[in-house]
Amino acid sequence: MAQVASLTLLHNDDARPIIEAIMADNPGVRVLDMPGCVKLDRDMELVVNRASVEERLGRTWDPQEIHLVLVSMAGNLDEDDDRFLVGWKH
């Protein structure tokens, strides 16, 4: 059974482009829309690509900005200038 990588983000205007980018870039992502937050789950890993968020925002975006809307996560974090990845190593 695969481990589940998870991100829970605030459900507000700042997080909406990030949520849309995650849904576009992670086939099979499961979305649970709750009052005040959105939980995104996927087997093994979830990636947030800087370019995908920038495309939706219409401005430059630093992956560190995700911390402003991040409520919780499950998995090991790997982040750099181009992406924010949470997942499980094999």
Protein backbone atom coordinates (compact mmCIF):
# COMPACT_ATOMS: atom_id res chain seq x y z
CA MET A 1 0.00 0.00 0.00
CA ALA A 2 1.39 3.40 -1.02
CA GLN A 3 1.93 6.11 1.54
CA VAL A 4 -0.12 9.26 1.06
CA ALA A 5 1.52 12.65 0.63
CA SER A 6 -0.74 15.45 1.77
CA LEU A 7 -0.96 19.24 1.83
CA THR A 8 -3.67 21.17 3.65
CA LEU A 9 -3.95 24.80 2.59
CA LEU A 10 -6.13 27.67 3.70
CA HIS A 11 -9.12 28.14 1.42
CA ASN A 12 -8.66 31.79 0.45
CA ASP A 13 -7.75 33.95 -2.55
CA ASP A 14 -4.00 33.64 -1.86
CA ALA A 15 -4.14 29.83 -1.93
CA ARG A 16 -6.50 29.40 -4.88
CA PRO A 17 -3.80 29.60 -7.62
CA ILE A 18 -1.62 27.16 -5.67
CA ILE A 19 -4.51 24.70 -5.31
CA GLU A 20 -5.29 24.99 -9.03
CA ALA A 21 -1.63 24.37 -9.92
CA ILE A 22 -1.46 21.30 -7.67
CA MET A 23 -4.61 19.88 -9.24
CA ALA A 24 -3.22 20.47 -12.77
CA ASP A 25 0.28 19.07 -12.11
CA ASN A 26 -0.60 16.01 -10.00
CA PRO A 27 -2.75 13.44 -11.82
CA GLY A 28 -4.87 11.44 -9.40
CA VAL A 29 -4.81 14.05 -6.64
CA ARG A 30 -7.73 13.73 -4.26
CA VAL A 31 -9.28 16.99 -3.04
CA LEU A 32 -11.27 17.41 0.16
CA ASP A 33 -12.86 20.85 0.34
CA MET A 34 -13.57 21.75 3.97
CA PRO A 35 -14.73 24.98 5.59
CA GLY A 36 -11.65 27.19 5.75
CA CYS A 37 -9.17 24.78 4.16
CA VAL A 38 -8.54 22.36 1.30
CA LYS A 39 -6.77 19.02 1.79
CA LEU A 40 -4.95 17.57 -1.20
CA ASP A 41 -3.79 13.94 -1.09
CA ARG A 42 -1.87 11.83 -3.58
CA ASP A 43 -0.07 8.52 -3.34
CA MET A 44 3.69 8.94 -2.81
CA GLU A 45 4.17 12.66 -3.65
CA LEU A 46 2.65 16.06 -4.33
CA VAL A 47 4.53 18.76 -6.22
CA VAL A 48 3.87 22.48 -6.47
CA ASN A 49 5.67 23.87 -9.50
CA ARG A 50 6.67 27.53 -9.43
CA ALA A 51 5.91 27.98 -13.16
CA SER A 52 2.40 26.58 -12.79
CA VAL A 53 1.56 28.91 -9.91
CA GLU A 54 3.09 31.90 -11.72
CA GLU A 55 0.97 31.13 -14.78
CA ARG A 56 -2.18 31.34 -12.67
CA LEU A 57 -1.06 34.34 -10.62
CA GLY A 58 0.28 36.42 -13.48
CA ARG A 59 3.37 37.37 -11.47
CA THR A 60 6.55 35.82 -10.13
CA TRP A 61 6.05 33.46 -7.21
CA ASP A 62 8.59 32.10 -4.75
CA PRO A 63 7.77 28.56 -3.55
CA GLN A 64 8.50 29.79 0.01
CA GLU A 65 5.25 31.77 -0.24
CA ILE A 66 3.32 28.53 0.21
CA HIS A 67 4.14 28.76 3.91
CA LEU A 68 1.75 31.72 4.17
CA VAL A 69 -1.23 29.45 3.41
CA LEU A 70 0.08 26.05 4.56
CA VAL A 71 -1.89 24.51 7.43
CA SER A 72 -0.30 21.04 7.51
CA MET A 73 1.51 18.46 5.44
CA ALA A 74 2.33 14.77 5.48
CA GLY A 75 5.54 13.51 3.93
CA ASN A 76 9.16 14.55 3.63
CA LEU A 77 9.75 18.07 2.35
CA ASP A 78 12.06 18.84 -0.56
CA GLU A 79 12.00 22.42 -1.82
CA ASP A 80 14.11 24.55 -4.10
CA ASP A 81 13.72 27.65 -6.28
CA ASP A 82 11.46 25.87 -8.78
CA ARG A 83 9.21 23.61 -6.73
CA PHE A 84 7.84 22.58 -3.36
CA LEU A 85 7.58 18.80 -3.05
CA VAL A 86 6.21 16.70 -0.25
CA GLY A 87 6.47 12.94 -0.55
CA TRP A 88 7.77 9.60 0.61
CA LYS A 89 10.99 7.99 -0.55
CA HIS A 90 10.79 4.35 -1.60
